[in-house]
N, C-alpha and C. Protein backbone atom coordinates (compact mmCIF):
# COMPACT_ATOMS: atom_id res chain seq x y z
N UNK A 1 -40.05 33.49 -12.39
CA UNK A 1 -40.30 33.03 -11.20
C UNK A 1 -39.35 33.53 -10.12
N UNK A 2 -39.82 33.74 -9.06
CA UNK A 2 -39.08 34.42 -7.88
C UNK A 2 -38.20 33.43 -7.29
N UNK A 3 -37.01 33.94 -6.76
CA UNK A 3 -35.97 33.13 -6.26
C UNK A 3 -36.21 33.00 -4.51
N UNK A 4 -35.81 31.94 -4.18
CA UNK A 4 -35.91 31.88 -2.65
C UNK A 4 -34.59 32.08 -1.97
N UNK A 5 -34.56 32.22 -0.63
CA UNK A 5 -33.28 32.32 -0.02
C UNK A 5 -32.25 31.18 -0.37
N UNK A 6 -32.95 29.89 -0.38
CA UNK A 6 -32.17 28.71 -0.59
C UNK A 6 -31.59 28.65 -2.07
N UNK A 7 -32.45 29.17 -2.99
CA UNK A 7 -31.73 29.29 -4.16
C UNK A 7 -30.55 30.19 -4.33
N UNK A 8 -30.78 31.27 -3.69
CA UNK A 8 -29.71 32.24 -3.50
C UNK A 8 -28.37 31.74 -2.84
N UNK A 9 -28.65 30.83 -1.82
CA UNK A 9 -27.63 30.36 -1.06
C UNK A 9 -26.79 29.25 -1.98
N UNK A 10 -27.75 28.41 -2.77
CA UNK A 10 -27.09 27.52 -3.70
C UNK A 10 -26.09 28.15 -4.66
N UNK A 11 -26.77 29.41 -5.29
CA UNK A 11 -25.90 29.96 -6.39
C UNK A 11 -24.60 30.45 -5.67
N UNK A 12 -24.74 30.99 -4.49
CA UNK A 12 -23.48 31.55 -3.82
C UNK A 12 -22.38 30.34 -3.56
N UNK A 13 -23.05 29.18 -3.29
CA UNK A 13 -22.11 28.12 -3.06
C UNK A 13 -21.58 27.75 -4.43
N UNK A 14 -22.18 27.75 -5.58
CA UNK A 14 -21.61 27.41 -6.87
C UNK A 14 -20.48 28.55 -7.20
N UNK A 15 -20.86 29.74 -6.84
CA UNK A 15 -19.85 30.93 -7.00
C UNK A 15 -18.54 30.76 -6.30
N UNK A 16 -18.84 30.17 -4.95
CA UNK A 16 -17.66 29.86 -4.22
C UNK A 16 -16.69 28.86 -4.67
N UNK A 17 -17.52 27.80 -5.12
CA UNK A 17 -16.71 26.67 -5.78
C UNK A 17 -15.90 27.18 -7.03
N UNK A 18 -16.51 27.95 -7.79
CA UNK A 18 -15.77 28.42 -9.11
C UNK A 18 -14.57 29.26 -8.71
N UNK A 19 -14.79 30.08 -7.67
CA UNK A 19 -13.70 30.93 -7.22
C UNK A 19 -12.56 30.09 -6.71
N UNK A 20 -12.97 29.25 -5.80
CA UNK A 20 -11.80 28.09 -5.31
C UNK A 20 -11.02 27.30 -6.38
N UNK A 21 -11.85 27.01 -7.35
CA UNK A 21 -11.17 26.27 -8.39
C UNK A 21 -10.28 27.18 -9.41
N UNK A 22 -10.44 28.48 -9.22
CA UNK A 22 -9.54 29.36 -9.95
C UNK A 22 -10.42 29.76 -11.37
N UNK A 23 -11.70 29.54 -11.26
CA UNK A 23 -12.51 29.72 -12.72
C UNK A 23 -13.04 31.31 -12.64
N UNK A 24 -12.97 32.05 -11.49
CA UNK A 24 -13.54 33.32 -11.32
C UNK A 24 -12.19 34.08 -10.64
N UNK A 25 -11.86 35.24 -11.10
CA UNK A 25 -11.08 36.16 -10.37
C UNK A 25 -11.67 36.87 -9.20
N UNK A 26 -10.80 37.48 -8.32
CA UNK A 26 -11.53 37.90 -7.04
C UNK A 26 -12.36 39.09 -7.23
N UNK A 27 -12.09 39.98 -8.34
CA UNK A 27 -13.13 41.16 -8.56
C UNK A 27 -14.46 40.59 -9.10
N UNK A 28 -14.19 39.61 -9.89
CA UNK A 28 -15.60 39.03 -10.74
C UNK A 28 -16.37 38.34 -9.74
N UNK A 29 -15.76 37.61 -8.85
CA UNK A 29 -16.43 36.72 -7.78
C UNK A 29 -17.07 37.68 -6.89
N UNK A 30 -16.51 38.69 -6.40
CA UNK A 30 -17.12 39.61 -5.48
C UNK A 30 -18.38 40.25 -6.22
N UNK A 31 -18.11 40.68 -7.55
CA UNK A 31 -19.38 41.34 -8.23
C UNK A 31 -20.54 40.22 -8.46
N UNK A 32 -20.18 39.17 -8.70
CA UNK A 32 -21.34 38.14 -8.97
C UNK A 32 -21.82 37.73 -7.57
N UNK A 33 -21.10 37.72 -6.55
CA UNK A 33 -21.64 37.38 -5.20
C UNK A 33 -22.69 38.51 -4.69
N UNK A 34 -22.29 39.71 -4.94
CA UNK A 34 -23.23 40.78 -4.58
C UNK A 34 -24.49 40.60 -5.42
N UNK A 35 -24.37 40.41 -6.66
CA UNK A 35 -25.52 40.22 -7.71
C UNK A 35 -26.30 39.12 -7.18
N UNK A 36 -25.66 38.01 -6.78
CA UNK A 36 -26.51 36.80 -6.30
C UNK A 36 -27.19 37.06 -5.17
N UNK A 37 -26.67 37.78 -4.17
CA UNK A 37 -27.48 37.87 -3.01
C UNK A 37 -28.65 38.92 -2.99
N UNK A 38 -28.51 39.72 -4.22
CA UNK A 38 -29.67 40.50 -4.36
C UNK A 38 -30.65 40.12 -5.48
N UNK A 39 -30.34 39.16 -6.02
CA UNK A 39 -31.27 38.37 -7.32
C UNK A 39 -32.67 38.19 -6.65
N UNK A 40 -33.68 38.70 -7.54
CA UNK A 40 -35.01 38.31 -7.24
C UNK A 40 -35.62 37.22 -8.01
N UNK A 41 -35.18 36.82 -9.14
CA UNK A 41 -35.66 35.66 -9.88
C UNK A 41 -34.65 34.63 -10.33
N UNK A 42 -35.05 33.59 -10.78
CA UNK A 42 -34.38 32.29 -11.18
C UNK A 42 -33.57 32.97 -12.41
N UNK A 43 -34.07 33.48 -13.09
CA UNK A 43 -33.43 34.24 -14.42
C UNK A 43 -31.91 34.93 -14.19
N UNK A 44 -32.17 35.79 -13.07
CA UNK A 44 -30.85 36.46 -12.58
C UNK A 44 -29.90 35.81 -12.14
N UNK A 45 -30.33 34.52 -11.41
CA UNK A 45 -29.23 33.69 -10.77
C UNK A 45 -28.67 32.92 -11.89
N UNK A 46 -29.53 32.40 -12.91
CA UNK A 46 -28.95 31.61 -14.00
C UNK A 46 -27.95 32.29 -14.87
N UNK A 47 -28.27 33.73 -14.95
CA UNK A 47 -27.18 34.48 -15.85
C UNK A 47 -25.74 34.58 -14.94
N UNK A 48 -25.86 34.52 -13.63
CA UNK A 48 -24.49 34.62 -12.87
C UNK A 48 -23.85 33.15 -12.93
N UNK A 49 -24.54 32.26 -13.05
CA UNK A 49 -24.02 30.84 -13.14
C UNK A 49 -23.92 29.99 -14.53
N UNK A 50 -24.36 30.66 -15.51
CA UNK A 50 -24.36 30.18 -16.91
C UNK A 50 -22.98 29.68 -17.11
N UNK A 51 -21.93 30.01 -16.99
CA UNK A 51 -20.65 29.81 -17.40
C UNK A 51 -19.88 28.98 -16.36
N UNK A 52 -20.40 28.46 -15.48
CA UNK A 52 -19.78 27.67 -14.24
C UNK A 52 -20.37 26.24 -14.22
N UNK A 53 -19.54 25.25 -13.88
CA UNK A 53 -20.18 24.01 -13.73
C UNK A 53 -21.09 23.96 -12.44
N UNK A 54 -22.06 23.30 -12.29
CA UNK A 54 -22.96 23.20 -11.35
C UNK A 54 -23.07 21.67 -10.76
N UNK A 55 -21.94 21.26 -10.34
CA UNK A 55 -21.92 19.86 -9.92
C UNK A 55 -20.80 19.13 -10.31
N UNK A 56 -20.76 17.88 -10.15
CA UNK A 56 -19.37 16.99 -10.63
C UNK A 56 -19.23 17.29 -11.92
N UNK A 57 -17.93 17.53 -12.26
CA UNK A 57 -17.67 17.76 -13.77
C UNK A 57 -17.25 16.30 -14.31
N UNK A 58 -17.84 15.84 -15.27
CA UNK A 58 -17.64 14.57 -15.79
C UNK A 58 -16.29 14.46 -16.40
N UNK A 59 -15.57 13.31 -16.20
CA UNK A 59 -14.10 13.28 -16.57
C UNK A 59 -14.24 12.68 -18.09
N UNK A 60 -13.09 13.14 -18.87
CA UNK A 60 -13.03 12.83 -20.28
C UNK A 60 -12.67 11.27 -20.22
N UNK A 61 -13.18 10.47 -21.26
CA UNK A 61 -12.86 9.26 -21.28
C UNK A 61 -11.49 9.05 -21.49
N UNK A 62 -10.95 7.81 -21.02
CA UNK A 62 -9.50 7.48 -20.95
C UNK A 62 -9.17 7.36 -22.52
N UNK A 63 -7.86 7.80 -22.73
CA UNK A 63 -7.49 7.72 -24.15
C UNK A 63 -7.19 6.26 -24.65
N UNK A 64 -7.82 6.06 -25.70
CA UNK A 64 -7.57 4.68 -26.16
C UNK A 64 -6.00 4.42 -26.94
N UNK A 65 -5.63 3.40 -26.84
CA UNK A 65 -4.20 3.13 -27.58
C UNK A 65 -4.55 3.19 -29.06
N UNK A 66 -3.42 3.38 -29.81
CA UNK A 66 -3.70 3.52 -31.23
C UNK A 66 -3.64 2.22 -31.74
N UNK A 67 -4.37 2.08 -32.92
CA UNK A 67 -4.55 0.69 -33.54
C UNK A 67 -3.08 -0.09 -33.72
N UNK A 68 -3.15 -1.35 -33.43
CA UNK A 68 -1.91 -2.05 -33.57
C UNK A 68 -0.89 -1.82 -32.35
N UNK A 69 -1.38 -1.26 -31.26
CA UNK A 69 -0.58 -1.09 -30.09
C UNK A 69 -0.34 -2.36 -29.33
N UNK A 70 0.90 -2.60 -28.99
CA UNK A 70 1.26 -3.89 -28.41
C UNK A 70 1.72 -3.61 -27.13
N UNK A 71 1.31 -4.06 -25.89
CA UNK A 71 1.90 -3.67 -24.64
C UNK A 71 3.41 -4.39 -24.48
N UNK A 72 4.28 -3.80 -23.78
CA UNK A 72 5.59 -4.20 -23.62
C UNK A 72 5.67 -5.73 -23.04
N UNK A 73 6.39 -6.68 -23.71
CA UNK A 73 6.45 -7.99 -23.55
C UNK A 73 6.96 -8.08 -22.02
N UNK A 74 6.56 -9.21 -21.34
CA UNK A 74 7.03 -9.44 -19.97
C UNK A 74 8.54 -9.67 -19.98
N UNK A 75 9.20 -10.25 -21.01
CA UNK A 75 10.49 -10.54 -21.03
C UNK A 75 11.40 -9.13 -20.84
N UNK A 76 10.88 -7.98 -21.39
CA UNK A 76 11.46 -6.70 -21.23
C UNK A 76 11.30 -5.95 -19.82
N UNK A 77 10.26 -6.40 -19.07
CA UNK A 77 10.08 -5.89 -17.71
C UNK A 77 10.95 -6.20 -16.56
N UNK A 78 11.32 -5.45 -15.76
CA UNK A 78 12.29 -5.92 -14.71
C UNK A 78 11.66 -6.97 -14.01
N UNK A 79 12.51 -8.06 -13.75
CA UNK A 79 12.12 -8.99 -12.70
C UNK A 79 11.68 -8.61 -11.43
N UNK A 80 10.62 -9.23 -10.87
CA UNK A 80 10.24 -8.90 -9.26
C UNK A 80 11.46 -9.52 -8.72
N UNK A 81 11.54 -8.75 -7.33
CA UNK A 81 12.57 -9.34 -6.33
C UNK A 81 12.12 -10.56 -5.82
N UNK A 82 13.19 -11.47 -5.71
CA UNK A 82 13.02 -12.83 -5.15
C UNK A 82 12.40 -12.70 -3.87
N UNK A 83 11.59 -13.81 -3.47
CA UNK A 83 11.01 -13.84 -2.18
C UNK A 83 11.83 -14.48 -1.34
N UNK A 84 11.66 -14.21 0.21
CA UNK A 84 12.38 -14.80 1.16
C UNK A 84 11.70 -16.06 1.67
N UNK A 85 12.44 -17.27 1.64
CA UNK A 85 11.85 -18.46 1.97
C UNK A 85 11.21 -18.54 3.27
N UNK A 86 10.11 -19.02 3.51
CA UNK A 86 9.51 -18.94 4.67
C UNK A 86 10.02 -19.90 5.78
N UNK A 87 10.53 -21.23 5.23
CA UNK A 87 11.05 -22.04 6.18
C UNK A 87 12.44 -21.65 6.72
N UNK A 88 13.02 -20.82 5.71
CA UNK A 88 14.38 -20.17 6.39
C UNK A 88 13.89 -19.38 7.46
N UNK A 89 13.02 -18.40 7.40
CA UNK A 89 12.75 -17.35 8.45
C UNK A 89 12.19 -18.22 9.65
N UNK A 90 11.48 -19.34 9.38
CA UNK A 90 10.95 -20.28 10.63
C UNK A 90 12.18 -20.83 11.25
N UNK A 91 13.35 -21.40 10.54
CA UNK A 91 14.40 -21.86 11.07
C UNK A 91 15.18 -20.78 11.99
N UNK A 92 15.29 -19.56 11.45
CA UNK A 92 15.92 -18.59 12.04
C UNK A 92 15.27 -18.26 13.63
N UNK A 93 13.79 -18.09 13.37
CA UNK A 93 13.08 -17.78 14.52
C UNK A 93 13.25 -19.01 15.58
N UNK A 94 13.05 -20.13 15.27
CA UNK A 94 13.19 -21.48 16.13
C UNK A 94 14.65 -21.41 16.86
N UNK A 95 15.68 -21.07 15.93
CA UNK A 95 17.03 -21.23 16.41
C UNK A 95 17.28 -20.02 17.54
N UNK A 96 16.58 -18.69 17.40
CA UNK A 96 16.58 -17.64 18.18
C UNK A 96 15.87 -18.02 19.66
N UNK A 97 14.78 -18.71 19.39
CA UNK A 97 14.00 -19.06 20.63
C UNK A 97 14.61 -20.17 21.33
N UNK A 98 15.73 -20.96 20.89
CA UNK A 98 16.14 -22.04 21.51
C UNK A 98 16.56 -21.82 22.91
N UNK A 99 17.40 -20.63 23.10
CA UNK A 99 17.69 -20.47 24.76
C UNK A 99 16.58 -20.41 25.57
N UNK A 100 15.29 -19.85 25.07
CA UNK A 100 14.38 -19.92 25.99
C UNK A 100 13.45 -21.18 26.10
N UNK A 101 13.40 -21.87 24.88
CA UNK A 101 12.60 -22.93 24.96
C UNK A 101 13.38 -23.98 24.29
N UNK A 102 13.96 -24.81 25.00
CA UNK A 102 14.94 -25.74 24.44
C UNK A 102 14.41 -26.57 23.30
N UNK A 103 13.28 -26.71 23.34
CA UNK A 103 12.68 -27.88 22.23
C UNK A 103 12.77 -27.42 20.88
N UNK A 104 12.85 -26.09 20.79
CA UNK A 104 12.88 -25.54 19.32
C UNK A 104 14.10 -25.70 18.63
N UNK A 105 15.09 -26.40 19.20
CA UNK A 105 16.29 -26.43 18.39
C UNK A 105 16.12 -27.64 17.47
N UNK A 106 15.48 -28.52 17.72
CA UNK A 106 15.17 -29.65 16.65
C UNK A 106 14.32 -29.08 15.41
N UNK A 107 13.21 -28.41 15.49
CA UNK A 107 12.67 -27.67 14.56
C UNK A 107 13.64 -26.79 13.81
N UNK A 108 14.33 -26.13 14.46
CA UNK A 108 15.37 -25.05 13.76
C UNK A 108 16.12 -25.94 12.81
N UNK A 109 16.67 -27.05 13.22
CA UNK A 109 17.46 -27.73 12.38
C UNK A 109 16.76 -28.44 11.18
N UNK A 110 15.67 -28.95 11.45
CA UNK A 110 14.83 -29.59 10.34
C UNK A 110 14.35 -28.38 9.34
N UNK A 111 13.86 -27.31 9.90
CA UNK A 111 13.48 -26.17 9.01
C UNK A 111 14.59 -25.74 8.15
N UNK A 112 15.80 -25.67 8.86
CA UNK A 112 16.89 -25.01 8.19
C UNK A 112 17.34 -25.85 7.09
N UNK A 113 17.34 -27.23 7.16
CA UNK A 113 17.78 -28.23 5.94
C UNK A 113 16.68 -28.17 4.89
N UNK A 114 15.38 -28.14 5.34
CA UNK A 114 14.49 -28.15 4.37
C UNK A 114 14.62 -26.93 3.55
N UNK A 115 14.73 -25.63 4.15
CA UNK A 115 14.98 -24.39 3.58
C UNK A 115 16.11 -24.32 2.67
N UNK A 116 17.22 -25.05 3.03
CA UNK A 116 18.31 -24.97 2.23
C UNK A 116 18.05 -25.69 0.72
N UNK A 117 17.41 -26.87 0.77
CA UNK A 117 16.90 -27.50 -0.37
C UNK A 117 16.03 -26.82 -1.17
N UNK A 118 14.99 -26.09 -0.60
CA UNK A 118 14.00 -25.46 -1.32
C UNK A 118 14.73 -24.07 -1.99
N UNK A 119 15.61 -23.39 -1.25
CA UNK A 119 16.22 -22.44 -1.95
C UNK A 119 17.17 -22.75 -3.07
N UNK A 120 17.82 -23.85 -2.92
CA UNK A 120 18.66 -24.30 -4.12
C UNK A 120 17.74 -24.76 -5.30
N UNK A 121 16.52 -25.30 -5.03
CA UNK A 121 15.58 -25.63 -6.14
C UNK A 121 14.95 -24.28 -6.90
N UNK A 122 14.50 -23.54 -5.87
CA UNK A 122 13.57 -22.47 -6.44
C UNK A 122 14.41 -21.08 -6.61
N UNK A 123 15.46 -20.82 -6.05
CA UNK A 123 16.18 -19.49 -6.39
C UNK A 123 15.71 -18.35 -5.24
N UNK A 124 14.91 -18.87 -4.28
CA UNK A 124 14.47 -17.84 -3.37
C UNK A 124 15.53 -17.13 -2.46
N UNK A 125 15.35 -16.24 -1.73
CA UNK A 125 16.29 -15.60 -0.88
C UNK A 125 16.17 -16.32 0.56
N UNK A 126 17.15 -16.01 1.50
CA UNK A 126 16.98 -16.61 2.77
C UNK A 126 18.03 -17.53 3.27
N UNK A 127 18.99 -17.89 2.35
CA UNK A 127 20.00 -18.71 2.61
C UNK A 127 20.68 -18.59 3.89
N UNK A 128 21.06 -17.17 4.33
CA UNK A 128 21.68 -16.83 5.56
C UNK A 128 20.71 -17.18 6.60
N UNK A 129 19.43 -16.87 6.63
CA UNK A 129 18.45 -17.15 7.54
C UNK A 129 18.47 -18.57 7.87
N UNK A 130 18.33 -19.47 6.98
CA UNK A 130 18.46 -20.97 7.18
C UNK A 130 19.85 -21.53 7.73
N UNK A 131 20.81 -20.90 7.14
CA UNK A 131 22.17 -21.27 7.97
C UNK A 131 22.25 -20.81 9.42
N UNK A 132 21.81 -19.58 9.53
CA UNK A 132 21.71 -19.21 11.21
C UNK A 132 20.92 -20.00 12.03
N UNK A 133 19.63 -20.43 11.47
CA UNK A 133 18.84 -21.47 12.18
C UNK A 133 19.58 -22.78 12.43
N UNK A 134 20.10 -23.16 11.35
CA UNK A 134 20.84 -24.43 11.51
C UNK A 134 21.95 -24.49 12.48
N UNK A 135 22.91 -23.29 12.59
CA UNK A 135 24.01 -23.21 13.42
C UNK A 135 23.45 -23.12 14.80
N UNK A 136 22.29 -22.28 15.05
CA UNK A 136 21.80 -22.12 16.30
C UNK A 136 21.16 -23.51 17.02
N UNK A 137 20.60 -24.28 16.06
CA UNK A 137 19.82 -25.26 16.33
C UNK A 137 20.86 -26.44 16.77
N UNK A 138 21.98 -26.69 15.89
CA UNK A 138 22.98 -27.74 16.18
C UNK A 138 23.69 -27.31 17.37
N UNK A 139 23.98 -25.99 17.70
CA UNK A 139 24.73 -25.37 18.97
C UNK A 139 23.82 -25.96 20.19
N UNK A 140 22.56 -25.65 20.13
CA UNK A 140 21.80 -26.10 21.33
C UNK A 140 21.66 -27.56 21.35
N UNK A 141 21.74 -28.24 20.34
CA UNK A 141 21.64 -29.75 20.54
C UNK A 141 23.04 -30.22 21.29
N UNK A 142 24.16 -29.70 20.58
CA UNK A 142 25.33 -30.14 21.05
C UNK A 142 25.47 -29.75 22.48
N UNK A 143 25.13 -28.48 22.77
CA UNK A 143 25.17 -28.14 24.25
C UNK A 143 24.38 -29.05 25.17
N UNK A 144 23.10 -29.31 24.81
CA UNK A 144 22.36 -30.35 25.56
C UNK A 144 22.98 -31.68 25.69
N UNK A 145 23.62 -32.19 24.55
CA UNK A 145 24.25 -33.44 24.67
C UNK A 145 25.45 -33.47 25.51
N UNK A 146 26.16 -32.36 25.55
CA UNK A 146 27.39 -32.28 26.39
C UNK A 146 26.99 -32.26 27.87
N UNK A 147 25.95 -31.43 28.17
CA UNK A 147 25.35 -31.44 29.55
C UNK A 147 24.92 -33.00 30.13
N UNK A 148 24.09 -33.67 28.99
CA UNK A 148 23.56 -34.96 29.45
C UNK A 148 24.90 -35.90 29.58
N UNK A 149 25.92 -35.83 28.74
CA UNK A 149 26.97 -36.58 28.93
C UNK A 149 27.87 -36.32 30.24
N UNK A 150 27.87 -35.12 30.64
CA UNK A 150 28.51 -34.79 31.76
C UNK A 150 27.82 -35.12 33.18
N UNK A 151 26.36 -35.13 33.02
CA UNK A 151 25.57 -35.70 34.11
C UNK A 151 25.77 -37.15 34.19
N UNK A 152 25.85 -37.86 33.16
CA UNK A 152 26.16 -39.49 33.19
C UNK A 152 27.50 -39.78 33.56
N UNK A 153 28.47 -39.15 33.11
CA UNK A 153 29.71 -39.30 33.54
C UNK A 153 30.00 -38.98 35.16
N UNK A 154 29.25 -38.07 35.65
CA UNK A 154 29.52 -37.69 37.03
C UNK A 154 28.78 -38.60 37.83
N UNK A 155 27.75 -39.69 37.51
CA UNK A 155 27.17 -40.58 38.24
C UNK A 155 27.75 -41.79 38.49
C-alpha cells in the first residue's frame, strides 16, 4: 500500500525521537531520514522504524522485595523534629503587637502560661517564644498600671 505525506512525517518524527534519545547515531539518522522522505510504501517506512519504539515505552514493573523482607522498624528511624507550640507563637505575636494594640497584653500573658504548660507536657519546641510573649505582656500590663497609678496619684 502506498504511503501518504502524513505517514512519512510520522515516520520522520519517530526517527527524530530515536535520534534525540540516543538510539540512532548521526550518520544512521541522516540515512534513514533521507530514505523515509523518499519512501513510497508502508513496507519501506516499516523497515526504517522496525527497531525503534513508536510511542510511550512501557516501564518495567517495580522490583518486588525478596521473600521474608521486613521493613526497618520505626524504632530505628530518626525521630521527626519536634513541632513548635502554636500557643507559644500566639503569645509572642500578641506580645509584639502590645505597643500598637494595648489590649493584646492580656492574651499574651494567658497564651504564654498555657503554652509553657503544654510544652512541659508534650515536649514541643517554643519555650523561648512563650517566655518572650509573657515578658512583653507583663511589661505592658505593668507599664499600664504605672500610668494609671500616676494619674490617680496626681488627682
